[in-house]
Amino acid sequence: MVEAVKQGPATNAADPRLLAVGEVARLLSISIRATWKFVAAGRLPAPVRLGRSVRWRAAELDAWISAGCPEVTAESGARGAGGRR
């Protein structure tokens, strides 16, 4: 018999989930507006654009949080996706 293994949110480095801005804001305990300001300032990993939708890779956010939330630079993978203005 195969036993299922439970994993908590964003604990797996290969976590395939994509998070919406509200989920990211909740994860970081900040407002949605502050989330967009962090993106504009290069303080968050860049989101992924899917058509008109903007999402963040859960695995990237988990790694970023584990690293102490460093500023994201172009060399470390920031990909501008813009936010609402």
N, C-alpha and C. Protein backbone atom coordinates (compact mmCIF):
# COMPACT_ATOMS: atom_id res chain seq x y z
N MET A 1 0.84 -1.18 0.00
CA MET A 1 0.00 0.00 0.00
C MET A 1 0.89 1.25 0.00
N VAL A 2 0.56 2.24 -0.79
CA VAL A 2 1.33 3.48 -0.89
C VAL A 2 0.74 4.49 0.07
N GLU A 3 1.62 5.11 0.87
CA GLU A 3 1.17 6.10 1.84
C GLU A 3 1.40 7.50 1.28
N ALA A 4 0.39 8.35 1.32
CA ALA A 4 0.52 9.72 0.83
C ALA A 4 1.31 10.55 1.83
N VAL A 5 2.14 11.42 1.34
CA VAL A 5 2.94 12.30 2.18
C VAL A 5 2.36 13.70 2.08
N LYS A 6 2.02 14.27 3.22
CA LYS A 6 1.49 15.64 3.24
C LYS A 6 2.63 16.63 3.29
N GLN A 7 2.47 17.72 2.57
CA GLN A 7 3.46 18.78 2.60
C GLN A 7 2.75 20.08 2.90
N GLY A 8 3.38 20.92 3.68
CA GLY A 8 2.83 22.22 4.00
C GLY A 8 2.97 23.15 2.81
N PRO A 9 2.41 24.35 2.89
CA PRO A 9 2.50 25.30 1.78
C PRO A 9 3.93 25.74 1.52
N ALA A 10 4.32 25.71 0.28
CA ALA A 10 5.62 26.18 -0.19
C ALA A 10 6.81 25.55 0.54
N THR A 11 6.69 24.25 0.91
CA THR A 11 7.81 23.59 1.57
C THR A 11 8.68 22.84 0.58
N ASN A 12 8.17 22.57 -0.59
CA ASN A 12 8.89 21.80 -1.59
C ASN A 12 9.57 22.75 -2.57
N ALA A 13 10.86 22.54 -2.81
CA ALA A 13 11.60 23.43 -3.71
C ALA A 13 11.03 23.40 -5.12
N ALA A 14 10.34 22.33 -5.48
CA ALA A 14 9.76 22.21 -6.82
C ALA A 14 8.26 22.50 -6.78
N ASP A 15 7.82 23.32 -5.83
CA ASP A 15 6.41 23.65 -5.68
C ASP A 15 5.90 24.32 -6.95
N PRO A 16 4.98 23.69 -7.66
CA PRO A 16 4.55 24.24 -8.95
C PRO A 16 3.46 25.30 -8.85
N ARG A 17 2.99 25.61 -7.63
CA ARG A 17 1.88 26.56 -7.50
C ARG A 17 2.26 27.96 -7.96
N LEU A 18 1.27 28.64 -8.50
CA LEU A 18 1.40 30.05 -8.87
C LEU A 18 0.44 30.83 -7.99
N LEU A 19 0.94 31.86 -7.33
CA LEU A 19 0.14 32.62 -6.37
C LEU A 19 -0.28 33.97 -6.93
N ALA A 20 -1.53 34.33 -6.68
CA ALA A 20 -2.06 35.63 -7.08
C ALA A 20 -1.57 36.69 -6.09
N VAL A 21 -1.72 37.95 -6.46
CA VAL A 21 -1.22 39.05 -5.63
C VAL A 21 -1.82 39.02 -4.23
N GLY A 22 -3.08 38.68 -4.09
CA GLY A 22 -3.70 38.61 -2.77
C GLY A 22 -3.09 37.53 -1.90
N GLU A 23 -2.76 36.40 -2.52
CA GLU A 23 -2.11 35.31 -1.78
C GLU A 23 -0.70 35.70 -1.35
N VAL A 24 0.01 36.41 -2.23
CA VAL A 24 1.36 36.87 -1.89
C VAL A 24 1.28 37.88 -0.75
N ALA A 25 0.34 38.79 -0.82
CA ALA A 25 0.17 39.79 0.23
C ALA A 25 -0.13 39.11 1.57
N ARG A 26 -1.02 38.12 1.57
CA ARG A 26 -1.33 37.38 2.80
C ARG A 26 -0.10 36.64 3.33
N LEU A 27 0.65 36.01 2.42
CA LEU A 27 1.86 35.28 2.80
C LEU A 27 2.86 36.19 3.51
N LEU A 28 2.97 37.43 3.02
CA LEU A 28 3.94 38.38 3.57
C LEU A 28 3.35 39.28 4.66
N SER A 29 2.05 39.14 4.92
CA SER A 29 1.35 39.97 5.90
C SER A 29 1.47 41.46 5.57
N ILE A 30 1.28 41.77 4.29
CA ILE A 30 1.28 43.16 3.83
C ILE A 30 0.05 43.35 2.96
N SER A 31 -0.23 44.59 2.61
CA SER A 31 -1.38 44.88 1.75
C SER A 31 -1.06 44.56 0.29
N ILE A 32 -2.10 44.48 -0.51
CA ILE A 32 -1.91 44.27 -1.94
C ILE A 32 -1.16 45.46 -2.54
N ARG A 33 -1.52 46.64 -2.11
CA ARG A 33 -0.83 47.84 -2.61
C ARG A 33 0.66 47.80 -2.28
N ALA A 34 1.00 47.40 -1.05
CA ALA A 34 2.40 47.29 -0.64
C ALA A 34 3.12 46.23 -1.47
N THR A 35 2.41 45.17 -1.82
CA THR A 35 3.01 44.12 -2.66
C THR A 35 3.44 44.71 -4.00
N TRP A 36 2.56 45.50 -4.63
CA TRP A 36 2.90 46.12 -5.92
C TRP A 36 4.05 47.11 -5.76
N LYS A 37 4.10 47.82 -4.62
CA LYS A 37 5.21 48.75 -4.38
C LYS A 37 6.52 47.98 -4.24
N PHE A 38 6.50 46.82 -3.58
CA PHE A 38 7.69 45.99 -3.45
C PHE A 38 8.17 45.53 -4.82
N VAL A 39 7.23 45.17 -5.69
CA VAL A 39 7.59 44.74 -7.05
C VAL A 39 8.26 45.89 -7.80
N ALA A 40 7.65 47.07 -7.74
CA ALA A 40 8.19 48.24 -8.45
C ALA A 40 9.58 48.62 -7.93
N ALA A 41 9.83 48.40 -6.64
CA ALA A 41 11.11 48.75 -6.05
C ALA A 41 12.16 47.64 -6.18
N GLY A 42 11.77 46.51 -6.76
CA GLY A 42 12.71 45.40 -6.92
C GLY A 42 12.97 44.64 -5.62
N ARG A 43 12.00 44.68 -4.72
CA ARG A 43 12.18 44.02 -3.43
C ARG A 43 11.52 42.64 -3.37
N LEU A 44 10.84 42.24 -4.43
CA LEU A 44 10.19 40.93 -4.51
C LEU A 44 10.66 40.23 -5.77
N PRO A 45 10.68 38.90 -5.77
CA PRO A 45 10.94 38.21 -7.04
C PRO A 45 9.89 38.63 -8.07
N ALA A 46 10.30 38.74 -9.30
CA ALA A 46 9.39 39.21 -10.34
C ALA A 46 8.27 38.20 -10.59
N PRO A 47 7.08 38.70 -10.85
CA PRO A 47 5.97 37.80 -11.15
C PRO A 47 6.04 37.27 -12.58
N VAL A 48 5.19 36.30 -12.84
CA VAL A 48 5.06 35.70 -14.17
C VAL A 48 3.75 36.21 -14.75
N ARG A 49 3.77 36.61 -16.01
CA ARG A 49 2.53 37.07 -16.66
C ARG A 49 1.93 35.92 -17.46
N LEU A 50 0.65 35.68 -17.25
CA LEU A 50 -0.11 34.68 -17.99
C LEU A 50 -1.29 35.41 -18.62
N GLY A 51 -1.08 35.89 -19.84
CA GLY A 51 -2.10 36.74 -20.44
C GLY A 51 -2.19 38.03 -19.64
N ARG A 52 -3.37 38.31 -19.12
CA ARG A 52 -3.55 39.51 -18.30
C ARG A 52 -3.32 39.23 -16.82
N SER A 53 -3.17 37.96 -16.46
CA SER A 53 -2.97 37.59 -15.06
C SER A 53 -1.50 37.71 -14.67
N VAL A 54 -1.28 38.04 -13.40
CA VAL A 54 0.07 38.14 -12.85
C VAL A 54 0.13 37.18 -11.68
N ARG A 55 1.13 36.31 -11.68
CA ARG A 55 1.29 35.31 -10.62
C ARG A 55 2.75 35.21 -10.21
N TRP A 56 2.98 34.71 -9.00
CA TRP A 56 4.33 34.46 -8.50
C TRP A 56 4.51 32.97 -8.29
N ARG A 57 5.70 32.48 -8.59
CA ARG A 57 6.02 31.07 -8.34
C ARG A 57 6.21 30.87 -6.85
N ALA A 58 5.45 29.95 -6.28
CA ALA A 58 5.52 29.69 -4.83
C ALA A 58 6.93 29.27 -4.43
N ALA A 59 7.59 28.46 -5.25
CA ALA A 59 8.95 28.00 -4.92
C ALA A 59 9.93 29.17 -4.87
N GLU A 60 9.79 30.14 -5.78
CA GLU A 60 10.69 31.31 -5.78
C GLU A 60 10.46 32.15 -4.54
N LEU A 61 9.19 32.35 -4.16
CA LEU A 61 8.90 33.13 -2.97
C LEU A 61 9.42 32.43 -1.72
N ASP A 62 9.26 31.11 -1.65
CA ASP A 62 9.75 30.35 -0.51
C ASP A 62 11.26 30.49 -0.38
N ALA A 63 11.97 30.38 -1.49
CA ALA A 63 13.44 30.52 -1.48
C ALA A 63 13.83 31.94 -1.07
N TRP A 64 13.10 32.93 -1.56
CA TRP A 64 13.37 34.33 -1.25
C TRP A 64 13.17 34.59 0.25
N ILE A 65 12.10 34.06 0.80
CA ILE A 65 11.83 34.23 2.23
C ILE A 65 12.90 33.52 3.05
N SER A 66 13.26 32.30 2.64
CA SER A 66 14.29 31.53 3.34
C SER A 66 15.64 32.24 3.33
N ALA A 67 15.90 33.02 2.27
CA ALA A 67 17.16 33.75 2.15
C ALA A 67 17.14 35.07 2.91
N GLY A 68 16.04 35.37 3.60
CA GLY A 68 15.96 36.61 4.37
C GLY A 68 15.38 37.78 3.61
N CYS A 69 14.67 37.52 2.54
CA CYS A 69 14.00 38.56 1.74
C CYS A 69 14.97 39.62 1.19
N PRO A 70 16.04 39.17 0.52
CA PRO A 70 16.99 40.15 -0.02
C PRO A 70 16.38 40.92 -1.19
N GLU A 71 16.95 42.10 -1.48
CA GLU A 71 16.51 42.83 -2.67
C GLU A 71 16.81 42.00 -3.90
N VAL A 72 15.93 42.04 -4.86
CA VAL A 72 16.10 41.27 -6.09
C VAL A 72 16.72 42.18 -7.14
N THR A 73 17.77 41.69 -7.78
CA THR A 73 18.44 42.48 -8.82
C THR A 73 18.26 41.81 -10.16
N ALA A 74 18.58 42.52 -11.22
CA ALA A 74 18.47 41.97 -12.57
C ALA A 74 19.36 40.75 -12.73
N GLU A 75 20.52 40.75 -12.06
CA GLU A 75 21.44 39.62 -12.16
C GLU A 75 20.89 38.38 -11.49
N SER A 76 20.04 38.54 -10.46
CA SER A 76 19.53 37.38 -9.73
C SER A 76 18.18 36.93 -10.23
N GLY A 77 17.72 37.48 -11.35
CA GLY A 77 16.54 36.94 -11.97
C GLY A 77 15.29 37.79 -11.95
N ALA A 78 15.40 39.07 -11.66
CA ALA A 78 14.22 39.92 -11.70
C ALA A 78 13.75 40.06 -13.14
N ARG A 79 12.49 39.81 -13.34
CA ARG A 79 11.90 39.94 -14.68
C ARG A 79 10.74 40.90 -14.54
N GLY A 80 10.88 42.09 -15.04
CA GLY A 80 9.83 43.08 -14.90
C GLY A 80 8.51 42.62 -15.48
N ALA A 81 7.47 42.71 -14.67
CA ALA A 81 6.16 42.33 -15.15
C ALA A 81 5.16 43.44 -14.89
N GLY A 82 5.60 44.42 -14.15
CA GLY A 82 4.73 45.56 -13.90
C GLY A 82 3.54 45.21 -13.03
N GLY A 83 2.92 46.22 -12.53
CA GLY A 83 1.74 46.05 -11.70
C GLY A 83 0.69 47.04 -12.12
N ARG A 84 -0.36 47.09 -11.34
CA ARG A 84 -1.41 48.06 -11.64
C ARG A 84 -0.91 49.45 -11.32
N ARG A 85 -1.32 50.38 -12.07
CA ARG A 85 -0.91 51.77 -11.84
C ARG A 85 -2.15 52.60 -11.58
